[in-house]
PDB file of N, CA and C in Angstrom:
ATOM      1  N   MET A   1     161.643 -55.911 119.530  1.00  0.00           N
ATOM      2  CA  MET A   1     160.788 -55.342 118.516  1.00  0.00           C
ATOM      3  C   MET A   1     160.377 -56.451 117.537  1.00  0.00           C
ATOM      4  N   LYS A   2     159.115 -56.487 117.189  1.00  0.00           N
ATOM      5  CA  LYS A   2     158.598 -57.502 116.272  1.00  0.00           C
ATOM      6  C   LYS A   2     158.945 -57.143 114.827  1.00  0.00           C
ATOM      7  N   LYS A   3     159.415 -58.144 114.099  1.00  0.00           N
ATOM      8  CA  LYS A   3     159.742 -57.947 112.689  1.00  0.00           C
ATOM      9  C   LYS A   3     158.452 -57.723 111.895  1.00  0.00           C
ATOM     10  N   ARG A   4     158.495 -56.709 111.022  1.00  0.00           N
ATOM     11  CA  ARG A   4     157.331 -56.385 110.197  1.00  0.00           C
ATOM     12  C   ARG A   4     157.083 -57.479 109.158  1.00  0.00           C
ATOM     13  N   GLU A   5     155.845 -57.884 109.015  1.00  0.00           N
ATOM     14  CA  GLU A   5     155.481 -58.925 108.062  1.00  0.00           C
ATOM     15  C   GLU A   5     155.591 -58.386 106.634  1.00  0.00           C
ATOM     16  N   ASN A   6     156.160 -59.198 105.768  1.00  0.00           N
ATOM     17  CA  ASN A   6     156.270 -58.845 104.359  1.00  0.00           C
ATOM     18  C   ASN A   6     155.657 -59.994 103.557  1.00  0.00           C
ATOM     19  N   ILE A   7     154.447 -59.795 103.093  1.00  0.00           N
ATOM     20  CA  ILE A   7     153.705 -60.851 102.409  1.00  0.00           C
ATOM     21  C   ILE A   7     154.450 -61.347 101.176  1.00  0.00           C
ATOM     22  N   LEU A   8     155.037 -60.441 100.409  1.00  0.00           N
ATOM     23  CA  LEU A   8     155.749 -60.837  99.195  1.00  0.00           C
ATOM     24  C   LEU A   8     156.962 -61.706  99.527  1.00  0.00           C
ATOM     25  N   LEU A   9     157.735 -61.327 100.529  1.00  0.00           N
ATOM     26  CA  LEU A   9     158.873 -62.147 100.958  1.00  0.00           C
ATOM     27  C   LEU A   9     158.406 -63.512 101.448  1.00  0.00           C
ATOM     28  N   ASP A  10     157.391 -63.506 102.296  1.00  0.00           N
ATOM     29  CA  ASP A  10     156.891 -64.757 102.879  1.00  0.00           C
ATOM     30  C   ASP A  10     156.332 -65.699 101.812  1.00  0.00           C
ATOM     31  N   LYS A  11     155.518 -65.169 100.931  1.00  0.00           N
ATOM     32  CA  LYS A  11     154.891 -66.008  99.907  1.00  0.00           C
ATOM     33  C   LYS A  11     155.895 -66.500  98.866  1.00  0.00           C
ATOM     34  N   SER A  12     156.859 -65.674  98.511  1.00  0.00           N
ATOM     35  CA  SER A  12     157.854 -66.112  97.536  1.00  0.00           C
ATOM     36  C   SER A  12     158.766 -67.177  98.143  1.00  0.00           C
ATOM     37  N   PHE A  13     159.064 -67.077  99.434  1.00  0.00           N
ATOM     38  CA  PHE A  13     159.880 -68.093 100.098  1.00  0.00           C
ATOM     39  C   PHE A  13     159.106 -69.408 100.215  1.00  0.00           C
ATOM     40  N   ALA A  14     157.840 -69.320 100.593  1.00  0.00           N
ATOM     41  CA  ALA A  14     156.995 -70.522 100.687  1.00  0.00           C
ATOM     42  C   ALA A  14     156.847 -71.195  99.319  1.00  0.00           C
ATOM     43  N   PHE A  15     156.729 -70.382  98.266  1.00  0.00           N
ATOM     44  CA  PHE A  15     156.636 -70.920  96.909  1.00  0.00           C
ATOM     45  C   PHE A  15     157.931 -71.650  96.551  1.00  0.00           C
ATOM     46  N   ALA A  16     159.073 -71.079  96.883  1.00  0.00           N
ATOM     47  CA  ALA A  16     160.366 -71.721  96.608  1.00  0.00           C
ATOM     48  C   ALA A  16     160.457 -73.072  97.309  1.00  0.00           C
ATOM     49  N   ILE A  17     159.977 -73.148  98.531  1.00  0.00           N
ATOM     50  CA  ILE A  17     159.986 -74.417  99.268  1.00  0.00           C
ATOM     51  C   ILE A  17     159.124 -75.451  98.544  1.00  0.00           C
ATOM     52  N   ARG A  18     157.948 -75.040  98.096  1.00  0.00           N
ATOM     53  CA  ARG A  18     157.080 -75.967  97.354  1.00  0.00           C
ATOM     54  C   ARG A  18     157.743 -76.429  96.066  1.00  0.00           C
ATOM     55  N   ILE A  19     158.428 -75.514  95.389  1.00  0.00           N
ATOM     56  CA  ILE A  19     159.114 -75.852  94.141  1.00  0.00           C
ATOM     57  C   ILE A  19     160.232 -76.864  94.407  1.00  0.00           C
ATOM     58  N   VAL A  20     161.017 -76.644  95.453  1.00  0.00           N
ATOM     59  CA  VAL A  20     162.094 -77.576  95.797  1.00  0.00           C
ATOM     60  C   VAL A  20     161.513 -78.959  96.103  1.00  0.00           C
ATOM     61  N   ASN A  21     160.432 -78.997  96.857  1.00  0.00           N
ATOM     62  CA  ASN A  21     159.806 -80.285  97.178  1.00  0.00           C
ATOM     63  C   ASN A  21     159.237 -80.966  95.936  1.00  0.00           C
ATOM     64  N   LEU A  22     158.646 -80.194  95.033  1.00  0.00           N
ATOM     65  CA  LEU A  22     158.147 -80.761  93.783  1.00  0.00           C
ATOM     66  C   LEU A  22     159.310 -81.293  92.951  1.00  0.00           C
ATOM     67  N   TYR A  23     160.404 -80.550  92.912  1.00  0.00           N
ATOM     68  CA  TYR A  23     161.595 -80.975  92.186  1.00  0.00           C
ATOM     69  C   TYR A  23     162.093 -82.326  92.718  1.00  0.00           C
ATOM     70  N   LYS A  24     162.178 -82.465  94.044  1.00  0.00           N
ATOM     71  CA  LYS A  24     162.637 -83.722  94.642  1.00  0.00           C
ATOM     72  C   LYS A  24     161.701 -84.873  94.273  1.00  0.00           C
ATOM     73  N   PHE A  25     160.390 -84.607  94.295  1.00  0.00           N
ATOM     74  CA  PHE A  25     159.399 -85.617  93.909  1.00  0.00           C
ATOM     75  C   PHE A  25     159.566 -86.021  92.440  1.00  0.00           C
ATOM     76  N   LEU A  26     159.718 -85.040  91.566  1.00  0.00           N
ATOM     77  CA  LEU A  26     159.850 -85.336  90.133  1.00  0.00           C
ATOM     78  C   LEU A  26     161.107 -86.147  89.839  1.00  0.00           C
ATOM     79  N   LEU A  27     162.174 -85.867  90.546  1.00  0.00           N
ATOM     80  CA  LEU A  27     163.410 -86.646  90.357  1.00  0.00           C
ATOM     81  C   LEU A  27     163.247 -88.073  90.869  1.00  0.00           C
ATOM     82  N   ALA A  28     162.795 -88.193  92.104  1.00  0.00           N
ATOM     83  CA  ALA A  28     162.740 -89.498  92.757  1.00  0.00           C
ATOM     84  C   ALA A  28     161.629 -90.398  92.213  1.00  0.00           C
ATOM     85  N   GLU A  29     160.440 -89.846  92.061  1.00  0.00           N
ATOM     86  CA  GLU A  29     159.279 -90.665  91.702  1.00  0.00           C
ATOM     87  C   GLU A  29     159.016 -90.755  90.206  1.00  0.00           C
ATOM     88  N   LYS A  30     159.246 -89.674  89.496  1.00  0.00           N
ATOM     89  CA  LYS A  30     158.895 -89.625  88.072  1.00  0.00           C
ATOM     90  C   LYS A  30     160.099 -89.749  87.148  1.00  0.00           C
ATOM     91  N   LYS A  31     161.287 -89.666  87.725  1.00  0.00           N
ATOM     92  CA  LYS A  31     162.531 -89.731  86.934  1.00  0.00           C
ATOM     93  C   LYS A  31     162.542 -88.691  85.816  1.00  0.00           C
ATOM     94  N   GLU A  32     162.059 -87.502  86.153  1.00  0.00           N
ATOM     95  CA  GLU A  32     162.019 -86.385  85.199  1.00  0.00           C
ATOM     96  C   GLU A  32     163.118 -85.424  85.603  1.00  0.00           C
ATOM     97  N   PHE A  33     164.054 -85.145  84.678  1.00  0.00           N
ATOM     98  CA  PHE A  33     165.252 -84.394  85.028  1.00  0.00           C
ATOM     99  C   PHE A  33     165.373 -83.033  84.344  1.00  0.00           C
ATOM    100  N   VAL A  34     164.748 -82.843  83.202  1.00  0.00           N
ATOM    101  CA  VAL A  34     164.968 -81.629  82.420  1.00  0.00           C
ATOM    102  C   VAL A  34     163.993 -80.515  82.805  1.00  0.00           C
ATOM    103  N   MET A  35     162.695 -80.760  82.658  1.00  0.00           N
ATOM    104  CA  MET A  35     161.705 -79.730  82.997  1.00  0.00           C
ATOM    105  C   MET A  35     161.745 -79.386  84.474  1.00  0.00           C
ATOM    106  N   SER A  36     161.978 -80.399  85.308  1.00  0.00           N
ATOM    107  CA  SER A  36     162.018 -80.151  86.756  1.00  0.00           C
ATOM    108  C   SER A  36     163.172 -79.218  87.135  1.00  0.00           C
ATOM    109  N   LYS A  37     164.298 -79.353  86.451  1.00  0.00           N
ATOM    110  CA  LYS A  37     165.446 -78.476  86.719  1.00  0.00           C
ATOM    111  C   LYS A  37     165.138 -77.042  86.291  1.00  0.00           C
ATOM    112  N   GLN A  38     164.455 -76.898  85.164  1.00  0.00           N
ATOM    113  CA  GLN A  38     164.050 -75.557  84.691  1.00  0.00           C
ATOM    114  C   GLN A  38     163.093 -74.920  85.698  1.00  0.00           C
ATOM    115  N   LEU A  39     162.144 -75.721  86.181  1.00  0.00           N
ATOM    116  CA  LEU A  39     161.184 -75.231  87.177  1.00  0.00           C
ATOM    117  C   LEU A  39     161.902 -74.852  88.469  1.00  0.00           C
ATOM    118  N   LEU A  40     162.859 -75.674  88.878  1.00  0.00           N
ATOM    119  CA  LEU A  40     163.621 -75.370  90.090  1.00  0.00           C
ATOM    120  C   LEU A  40     164.319 -74.019  89.967  1.00  0.00           C
ATOM    121  N   ARG A  41     164.927 -73.782  88.821  1.00  0.00           N
ATOM    122  CA  ARG A  41     165.653 -72.523  88.620  1.00  0.00           C
ATOM    123  C   ARG A  41     164.709 -71.317  88.635  1.00  0.00           C
ATOM    124  N   SER A  42     163.637 -71.391  87.855  1.00  0.00           N
ATOM    125  CA  SER A  42     162.734 -70.230  87.781  1.00  0.00           C
ATOM    126  C   SER A  42     161.942 -70.045  89.073  1.00  0.00           C
ATOM    127  N   GLY A  43     161.488 -71.153  89.654  1.00  0.00           N
ATOM    128  CA  GLY A  43     160.658 -71.063  90.864  1.00  0.00           C
ATOM    129  C   GLY A  43     161.394 -70.547  92.084  1.00  0.00           C
ATOM    130  N   THR A  44     162.663 -70.908  92.217  1.00  0.00           N
ATOM    131  CA  THR A  44     163.433 -70.415  93.362  1.00  0.00           C
ATOM    132  C   THR A  44     164.005 -69.021  93.098  1.00  0.00           C
ATOM    133  N   ALA A  45     164.138 -68.666  91.827  1.00  0.00           N
ATOM    134  CA  ALA A  45     164.639 -67.330  91.478  1.00  0.00           C
ATOM    135  C   ALA A  45     163.686 -66.232  91.931  1.00  0.00           C
ATOM    136  N   VAL A  46     162.392 -66.534  91.946  1.00  0.00           N
ATOM    137  CA  VAL A  46     161.394 -65.523  92.335  1.00  0.00           C
ATOM    138  C   VAL A  46     161.715 -64.974  93.725  1.00  0.00           C
ATOM    139  N   GLY A  47     161.844 -65.855  94.685  1.00  0.00           N
ATOM    140  CA  GLY A  47     162.126 -65.429  96.056  1.00  0.00           C
ATOM    141  C   GLY A  47     163.478 -64.758  96.200  1.00  0.00           C
ATOM    142  N   ALA A  48     164.468 -65.267  95.474  1.00  0.00           N
ATOM    143  CA  ALA A  48     165.804 -64.663  95.536  1.00  0.00           C
ATOM    144  C   ALA A  48     165.774 -63.230  95.010  1.00  0.00           C
ATOM    145  N   LEU A  49     165.036 -63.012  93.941  1.00  0.00           N
ATOM    146  CA  LEU A  49     164.930 -61.661  93.367  1.00  0.00           C
ATOM    147  C   LEU A  49     164.129 -60.721  94.269  1.00  0.00           C
ATOM    148  N   VAL A  50     163.099 -61.246  94.903  1.00  0.00           N
ATOM    149  CA  VAL A  50     162.326 -60.439  95.858  1.00  0.00           C
ATOM    150  C   VAL A  50     163.237 -60.036  97.013  1.00  0.00           C
ATOM    151  N   ARG A  51     164.049 -60.968  97.477  1.00  0.00           N
ATOM    152  CA  ARG A  51     164.993 -60.671  98.554  1.00  0.00           C
ATOM    153  C   ARG A  51     165.999 -59.621  98.110  1.00  0.00           C
ATOM    154  N   GLU A  52     166.517 -59.763  96.889  1.00  0.00           N
ATOM    155  CA  GLU A  52     167.445 -58.762  96.342  1.00  0.00           C
ATOM    156  C   GLU A  52     166.790 -57.392  96.266  1.00  0.00           C
ATOM    157  N   ALA A  53     165.525 -57.355  95.865  1.00  0.00           N
ATOM    158  CA  ALA A  53     164.812 -56.084  95.719  1.00  0.00           C
ATOM    159  C   ALA A  53     164.718 -55.343  97.048  1.00  0.00           C
ATOM    160  N   GLN A  54     164.709 -56.065  98.157  1.00  0.00           N
ATOM    161  CA  GLN A  54     164.624 -55.433  99.466  1.00  0.00           C
ATOM    162  C   GLN A  54     165.851 -54.561  99.739  1.00  0.00           C
ATOM    163  N   ASN A  55     166.951 -54.857  99.050  1.00  0.00           N
ATOM    164  CA  ASN A  55     168.190 -54.087  99.229  1.00  0.00           C
ATOM    165  C   ASN A  55     168.545 -53.313  97.965  1.00  0.00           C
ATOM    166  N   ALA A  56     167.550 -52.964  97.200  1.00  0.00           N
ATOM    167  CA  ALA A  56     167.776 -52.240  95.947  1.00  0.00           C
ATOM    168  C   ALA A  56     168.442 -50.900  96.213  1.00  0.00           C
ATOM    169  N   GLU A  57     169.212 -50.468  95.230  1.00  0.00           N
ATOM    170  CA  GLU A  57     169.944 -49.210  95.351  1.00  0.00           C
ATOM    171  C   GLU A  57     169.066 -48.000  95.068  1.00  0.00           C
ATOM    172  N   SER A  58     167.950 -48.229  94.394  1.00  0.00           N
ATOM    173  CA  SER A  58     167.033 -47.141  94.067  1.00  0.00           C
ATOM    174  C   SER A  58     165.648 -47.731  93.795  1.00  0.00           C
ATOM    175  N   LYS A  59     164.677 -46.861  93.646  1.00  0.00           N
ATOM    176  CA  LYS A  59     163.324 -47.325  93.294  1.00  0.00           C
ATOM    177  C   LYS A  59     163.343 -47.999  91.923  1.00  0.00           C
ATOM    178  N   ALA A  60     164.134 -47.456  91.006  1.00  0.00           N
ATOM    179  CA  ALA A  60     164.240 -48.044  89.667  1.00  0.00           C
ATOM    180  C   ALA A  60     164.841 -49.447  89.744  1.00  0.00           C
ATOM    181  N   ASP A  61     165.837 -49.623  90.586  1.00  0.00           N
ATOM    182  CA  ASP A  61     166.461 -50.933  90.777  1.00  0.00           C
ATOM    183  C   ASP A  61     165.456 -51.900  91.400  1.00  0.00           C
ATOM    184  N   PHE A  62     164.679 -51.415  92.360  1.00  0.00           N
ATOM    185  CA  PHE A  62     163.635 -52.213  93.007  1.00  0.00           C
ATOM    186  C   PHE A  62     162.631 -52.707  91.964  1.00  0.00           C
ATOM    187  N   ILE A  63     162.159 -51.793  91.122  1.00  0.00           N
ATOM    188  CA  ILE A  63     161.197 -52.143  90.066  1.00  0.00           C
ATOM    189  C   ILE A  63     161.814 -53.157  89.103  1.00  0.00           C
ATOM    190  N   HIS A  64     163.068 -52.938  88.749  1.00  0.00           N
ATOM    191  CA  HIS A  64     163.752 -53.840  87.820  1.00  0.00           C
ATOM    192  C   HIS A  64     163.832 -55.259  88.389  1.00  0.00           C
ATOM    193  N   LYS A  65     164.232 -55.379  89.643  1.00  0.00           N
ATOM    194  CA  LYS A  65     164.363 -56.704  90.258  1.00  0.00           C
ATOM    195  C   LYS A  65     163.009 -57.390  90.394  1.00  0.00           C
ATOM    196  N   LEU A  66     161.982 -56.644  90.773  1.00  0.00           N
ATOM    197  CA  LEU A  66     160.650 -57.247  90.850  1.00  0.00           C
ATOM    198  C   LEU A  66     160.130 -57.614  89.464  1.00  0.00           C
ATOM    199  N   GLY A  67     160.512 -56.844  88.455  1.00  0.00           N
ATOM    200  CA  GLY A  67     160.131 -57.166  87.076  1.00  0.00           C
ATOM    201  C   GLY A  67     160.726 -58.489  86.621  1.00  0.00           C
ATOM    202  N   ILE A  68     161.974 -58.722  86.996  1.00  0.00           N
ATOM    203  CA  ILE A  68     162.603 -60.005  86.658  1.00  0.00           C
ATOM    204  C   ILE A  68     161.935 -61.136  87.447  1.00  0.00           C
ATOM    205  N   ALA A  69     161.615 -60.879  88.711  1.00  0.00           N
ATOM    206  CA  ALA A  69     160.907 -61.879  89.522  1.00  0.00           C
ATOM    207  C   ALA A  69     159.563 -62.230  88.889  1.00  0.00           C
ATOM    208  N   GLN A  70     158.896 -61.223  88.355  1.00  0.00           N
ATOM    209  CA  GLN A  70     157.611 -61.442  87.676  1.00  0.00           C
ATOM    210  C   GLN A  70     157.793 -62.365  86.470  1.00  0.00           C
ATOM    211  N   LYS A  71     158.841 -62.135  85.695  1.00  0.00           N
ATOM    212  CA  LYS A  71     159.125 -62.980  84.528  1.00  0.00           C
ATOM    213  C   LYS A  71     159.445 -64.413  84.949  1.00  0.00           C
ATOM    214  N   GLU A  72     160.220 -64.558  86.022  1.00  0.00           N
ATOM    215  CA  GLU A  72     160.570 -65.892  86.516  1.00  0.00           C
ATOM    216  C   GLU A  72     159.326 -66.625  87.023  1.00  0.00           C
ATOM    217  N   CYS A  73     158.434 -65.895  87.653  1.00  0.00           N
ATOM    218  CA  CYS A  73     157.192 -66.483  88.148  1.00  0.00           C
ATOM    219  C   CYS A  73     156.335 -66.968  86.977  1.00  0.00           C
ATOM    220  N   ASP A  74     156.233 -66.154  85.946  1.00  0.00           N
ATOM    221  CA  ASP A  74     155.467 -66.534  84.763  1.00  0.00           C
ATOM    222  C   ASP A  74     156.115 -67.738  84.076  1.00  0.00           C
ATOM    223  N   GLU A  75     157.437 -67.770  84.021  1.00  0.00           N
ATOM    224  CA  GLU A  75     158.133 -68.927  83.448  1.00  0.00           C
ATOM    225  C   GLU A  75     157.832 -70.188  84.259  1.00  0.00           C
ATOM    226  N   SER A  76     157.770 -70.047  85.572  1.00  0.00           N
ATOM    227  CA  SER A  76     157.439 -71.191  86.431  1.00  0.00           C
ATOM    228  C   SER A  76     156.066 -71.739  86.096  1.00  0.00           C
ATOM    229  N   ILE A  77     155.122 -70.848  85.846  1.00  0.00           N
ATOM    230  CA  ILE A  77     153.775 -71.278  85.466  1.00  0.00           C
ATOM    231  C   ILE A  77     153.826 -72.053  84.159  1.00  0.00           C
ATOM    232  N   TYR A  78     154.648 -71.611  83.225  1.00  0.00           N
ATOM    233  CA  TYR A  78     154.818 -72.337  81.955  1.00  0.00           C
ATOM    234  C   TYR A  78     155.290 -73.768  82.222  1.00  0.00           C
ATOM    235  N   TRP A  79     156.340 -73.936  83.036  1.00  0.00           N
ATOM    236  CA  TRP A  79     156.869 -75.275  83.316  1.00  0.00           C
ATOM    237  C   TRP A  79     155.844 -76.126  84.047  1.00  0.00           C
ATOM    238  N   LEU A  80     155.076 -75.530  84.942  1.00  0.00           N
ATOM    239  CA  LEU A  80     154.018 -76.274  85.636  1.00  0.00           C
ATOM    240  C   LEU A  80     152.949 -76.743  84.653  1.00  0.00           C
ATOM    241  N   GLU A  81     152.566 -75.866  83.725  1.00  0.00           N
ATOM    242  CA  GLU A  81     151.583 -76.250  82.704  1.00  0.00           C
ATOM    243  C   GLU A  81     152.108 -77.405  81.856  1.00  0.00           C
ATOM    244  N   LEU A  82     153.371 -77.318  81.475  1.00  0.00           N
ATOM    245  CA  LEU A  82     153.980 -78.367  80.663  1.00  0.00           C
ATOM    246  C   LEU A  82     154.058 -79.691  81.431  1.00  0.00           C
ATOM    247  N   LEU A  83     154.418 -79.625  82.700  1.00  0.00           N
ATOM    248  CA  LEU A  83     154.472 -80.832  83.525  1.00  0.00           C
ATOM    249  C   LEU A  83     153.086 -81.465  83.676  1.00  0.00           C
ATOM    250  N   LYS A  84     152.060 -80.627  83.773  1.00  0.00           N
ATOM    251  CA  LYS A  84     150.690 -81.154  83.867  1.00  0.00           C
ATOM    252  C   LYS A  84     150.271 -81.795  82.555  1.00  0.00           C
ATOM    253  N   GLU A  85     150.498 -81.099  81.458  1.00  0.00           N
ATOM    254  CA  GLU A  85     150.069 -81.605  80.147  1.00  0.00           C
ATOM    255  C   GLU A  85     150.820 -82.864  79.719  1.00  0.00           C
ATOM    256  N   THR A  86     152.010 -83.076  80.253  1.00  0.00           N
ATOM    257  CA  THR A  86     152.778 -84.283  79.939  1.00  0.00           C
ATOM    258  C   THR A  86     152.626 -85.334  81.041  1.00  0.00           C
ATOM    259  N   GLU A  87     151.687 -85.087  81.952  1.00  0.00           N
ATOM    260  CA  GLU A  87     151.256 -86.016  83.001  1.00  0.00           C
ATOM    261  C   GLU A  87     152.336 -86.376  84.020  1.00  0.00           C
ATOM    262  N   PHE A  88     153.261 -85.443  84.255  1.00  0.00           N
ATOM    263  CA  PHE A  88     154.214 -85.640  85.340  1.00  0.00           C
ATOM    264  C   PHE A  88     153.613 -85.207  86.670  1.00  0.00           C
ATOM    265  N   ILE A  89     152.664 -84.262  86.614  1.00  0.00           N
ATOM    266  CA  ILE A  89     151.882 -83.901  87.803  1.00  0.00           C
ATOM    267  C   ILE A  89     150.408 -83.977  87.421  1.00  0.00           C
ATOM    268  N   ASN A  90     149.567 -84.281  88.408  1.00  0.00           N
ATOM    269  CA  ASN A  90     148.133 -84.387  88.113  1.00  0.00           C
ATOM    270  C   ASN A  90     147.434 -83.030  88.253  1.00  0.00           C
ATOM    271  N   GLN A  91     146.178 -83.000  87.923  1.00  0.00           N
ATOM    272  CA  GLN A  91     145.406 -81.750  87.915  1.00  0.00           C
ATOM    273  C   GLN A  91     145.362 -81.087  89.280  1.00  0.00           C
ATOM    274  N   SER A  92     145.147 -81.861  90.332  1.00  0.00           N
ATOM    275  CA  SER A  92     145.051 -81.234  91.663  1.00  0.00           C
ATOM    276  C   SER A  92     146.400 -80.704  92.134  1.00  0.00           C
ATOM    277  N   GLU A  93     147.482 -81.422  91.840  1.00  0.00           N
ATOM    278  CA  GLU A  93     148.819 -80.916  92.177  1.00  0.00           C
ATOM    279  C   GLU A  93     149.086 -79.611  91.421  1.00  0.00           C
ATOM    280  N   PHE A  94     148.735 -79.615  90.150  1.00  0.00           N
ATOM    281  CA  PHE A  94     148.918 -78.424  89.317  1.00  0.00           C
ATOM    282  C   PHE A  94     148.129 -77.241  89.865  1.00  0.00           C
ATOM    283  N   GLU A  95     146.842 -77.460  90.142  1.00  0.00           N
ATOM    284  CA  GLU A  95     145.992 -76.364  90.608  1.00  0.00           C
ATOM    285  C   GLU A  95     146.495 -75.777  91.915  1.00  0.00           C
ATOM    286  N   SER A  96     146.986 -76.628  92.794  1.00  0.00           N
ATOM    287  CA  SER A  96     147.469 -76.162  94.086  1.00  0.00           C
ATOM    288  C   SER A  96     148.695 -75.257  93.941  1.00  0.00           C
ATOM    289  N   ILE A  97     149.718 -75.756  93.292  1.00  0.00           N
ATOM    290  CA  ILE A  97     150.967 -74.980  93.196  1.00  0.00           C
ATOM    291  C   ILE A  97     150.844 -73.838  92.194  1.00  0.00           C
ATOM    292  N   CYS A  98     150.073 -74.040  91.136  1.00  0.00           N
ATOM    293  CA  CYS A  98     149.886 -72.967  90.164  1.00  0.00           C
ATOM    294  C   CYS A  98     149.039 -71.839  90.771  1.00  0.00           C
ATOM    295  N   GLY A  99     148.142 -72.190  91.670  1.00  0.00           N
ATOM    296  CA  GLY A  99     147.387 -71.171  92.400  1.00  0.00           C
ATOM    297  C   GLY A  99     148.314 -70.272  93.193  1.00  0.00           C
ATOM    298  N   ASN A 100     149.321 -70.882  93.838  1.00  0.00           N
ATOM    299  CA  ASN A 100     150.330 -70.100  94.562  1.00  0.00           C
ATOM    300  C   ASN A 100     151.102 -69.198  93.615  1.00  0.00           C
ATOM    301  N   ALA A 101     151.482 -69.737  92.467  1.00  0.00           N
ATOM    302  CA  ALA A 101     152.254 -68.964  91.485  1.00  0.00           C
ATOM    303  C   ALA A 101     151.442 -67.788  90.953  1.00  0.00           C
ATOM    304  N   ASN A 102     150.179 -68.024  90.642  1.00  0.00           N
ATOM    305  CA  ASN A 102     149.325 -66.940  90.131  1.00  0.00           C
ATOM    306  C   ASN A 102     149.102 -65.861  91.182  1.00  0.00           C
ATOM    307  N   GLU A 103     148.943 -66.261  92.426  1.00  0.00           N
ATOM    308  CA  GLU A 103     148.790 -65.288  93.516  1.00  0.00           C
ATOM    309  C   GLU A 103     150.061 -64.444  93.644  1.00  0.00           C
ATOM    310  N   LEU A 104     151.199 -65.096  93.577  1.00  0.00           N
ATOM    311  CA  LEU A 104     152.485 -64.411  93.649  1.00  0.00           C
ATOM    312  C   LEU A 104     152.660 -63.450  92.475  1.00  0.00           C
ATOM    313  N   LEU A 105     152.268 -63.886  91.298  1.00  0.00           N
ATOM    314  CA  LEU A 105     152.355 -63.048  90.107  1.00  0.00           C
ATOM    315  C   LEU A 105     151.508 -61.786  90.264  1.00  0.00           C
ATOM    316  N   LYS A 106     150.321 -61.924  90.809  1.00  0.00           N
ATOM    317  CA  LYS A 106     149.446 -60.764  91.037  1.00  0.00           C
ATOM    318  C   LYS A 106     150.055 -59.789  92.043  1.00  0.00           C
ATOM    319  N   ILE A 107     150.650 -60.331  93.105  1.00  0.00           N
ATOM    320  CA  ILE A 107     151.276 -59.477  94.118  1.00  0.00           C
ATOM    321  C   ILE A 107     152.466 -58.734  93.522  1.00  0.00           C
ATOM    322  N   LEU A 108     153.267 -59.435  92.722  1.00  0.00           N
ATOM    323  CA  LEU A 108     154.412 -58.794  92.064  1.00  0.00           C
ATOM    324  C   LEU A 108     153.957 -57.672  91.139  1.00  0.00           C
ATOM    325  N   LYS A 109     152.958 -57.952  90.311  1.00  0.00           N
ATOM    326  CA  LYS A 109     152.444 -56.933  89.383  1.00  0.00           C
ATOM    327  C   LYS A 109     151.912 -55.727  90.146  1.00  0.00           C
ATOM    328  N   SER A 110     151.181 -55.993  91.202  1.00  0.00           N
ATOM    329  CA  SER A 110     150.612 -54.913  92.011  1.00  0.00           C
ATOM    330  C   SER A 110     151.710 -54.088  92.690  1.00  0.00           C
ATOM    331  N   SER A 111     152.724 -54.755  93.190  1.00  0.00           N
ATOM    332  CA  SER A 111     153.835 -54.061  93.850  1.00  0.00           C
ATOM    333  C   SER A 111     154.569 -53.150  92.871  1.00  0.00           C
ATOM    334  N   ILE A 112     154.835 -53.680  91.678  1.00  0.00           N
ATOM    335  CA  ILE A 112     155.518 -52.884  90.647  1.00  0.00           C
ATOM    336  C   ILE A 112     154.676 -51.669  90.280  1.00  0.00           C
ATOM    337  N   LEU A 113     153.394 -51.870  90.073  1.00  0.00           N
ATOM    338  CA  LEU A 113     152.493 -50.791  89.693  1.00  0.00           C
ATOM    339  C   LEU A 113     152.429 -49.729  90.798  1.00  0.00           C
ATOM    340  N   THR A 114     152.350 -50.161  92.040  1.00  0.00           N
ATOM    341  CA  THR A 114     152.287 -49.217  93.161  1.00  0.00           C
ATOM    342  C   THR A 114     153.547 -48.354  93.236  1.00  0.00           C
ATOM    343  N   VAL A 115     154.711 -48.966  93.108  1.00  0.00           N
ATOM    344  CA  VAL A 115     155.965 -48.214  93.179  1.00  0.00           C
ATOM    345  C   VAL A 115     156.059 -47.237  92.004  1.00  0.00           C
ATOM    346  N   LYS A 116     155.660 -47.694  90.815  1.00  0.00           N
ATOM    347  CA  LYS A 116     155.684 -46.813  89.650  1.00  0.00           C
ATOM    348  C   LYS A 116     154.751 -45.601  89.834  1.00  0.00           C
ATOM    349  N   GLN A 117     153.580 -45.841  90.391  1.00  0.00           N
ATOM    350  CA  GLN A 117     152.629 -44.753  90.633  1.00  0.00           C
ATOM    351  C   GLN A 117     153.171 -43.778  91.676  1.00  0.00           C
ATOM    352  N   ASN A 118     153.826 -44.314  92.702  1.00  0.00           N
ATOM    353  CA  ASN A 118     154.398 -43.463  93.741  1.00  0.00           C
ATOM    354  C   ASN A 118     155.546 -42.608  93.219  1.00  0.00           C
ATOM    355  N   LEU A 119     156.255 -43.118  92.222  1.00  0.00           N
ATOM    356  CA  LEU A 119     157.354 -42.345  91.602  1.00  0.00           C
ATOM    357  C   LEU A 119     156.823 -41.139  90.849  1.00  0.00           C
ATOM    358  N   LYS A 120     155.615 -41.240  90.329  1.00  0.00           N
ATOM    359  CA  LYS A 120     155.022 -40.150  89.536  1.00  0.00           C
ATOM    360  C   LYS A 120     154.530 -39.005  90.419  1.00  0.00           C
ATOM    361  N   LYS A 121     154.343 -39.288  91.689  1.00  0.00           N
ATOM    362  CA  LYS A 121     153.800 -38.275  92.614  1.00  0.00           C
ATOM    363  C   LYS A 121     154.843 -37.255  92.987  1.00  0.00           C
TER     364      LYS A 121
END
């Protein structure tokens, strides 16, 4: 049987991989240790929380976990903006990875809204 595709799981995992690779680059090439660690924590937390939400104990728990993932995703965007403005990453690097983060944020918001609407029915 073919495993059902889950866009949120797939995209959050791919985002975590990009964050880990950016973290390694910032350490090795830019010698940046503080903001990169914050980005690593928030950026990888998104996928971990999405994974946790898949095993939620209730719809409310599912919404709660995705809500935290949404906050972590938004925090990641903050660290990316700060890294760009302090010239640790360039504009094209920023646009590429921040585009992924914004797409993920939209999917998270939409997922939360859909589950909340379904609860009202």
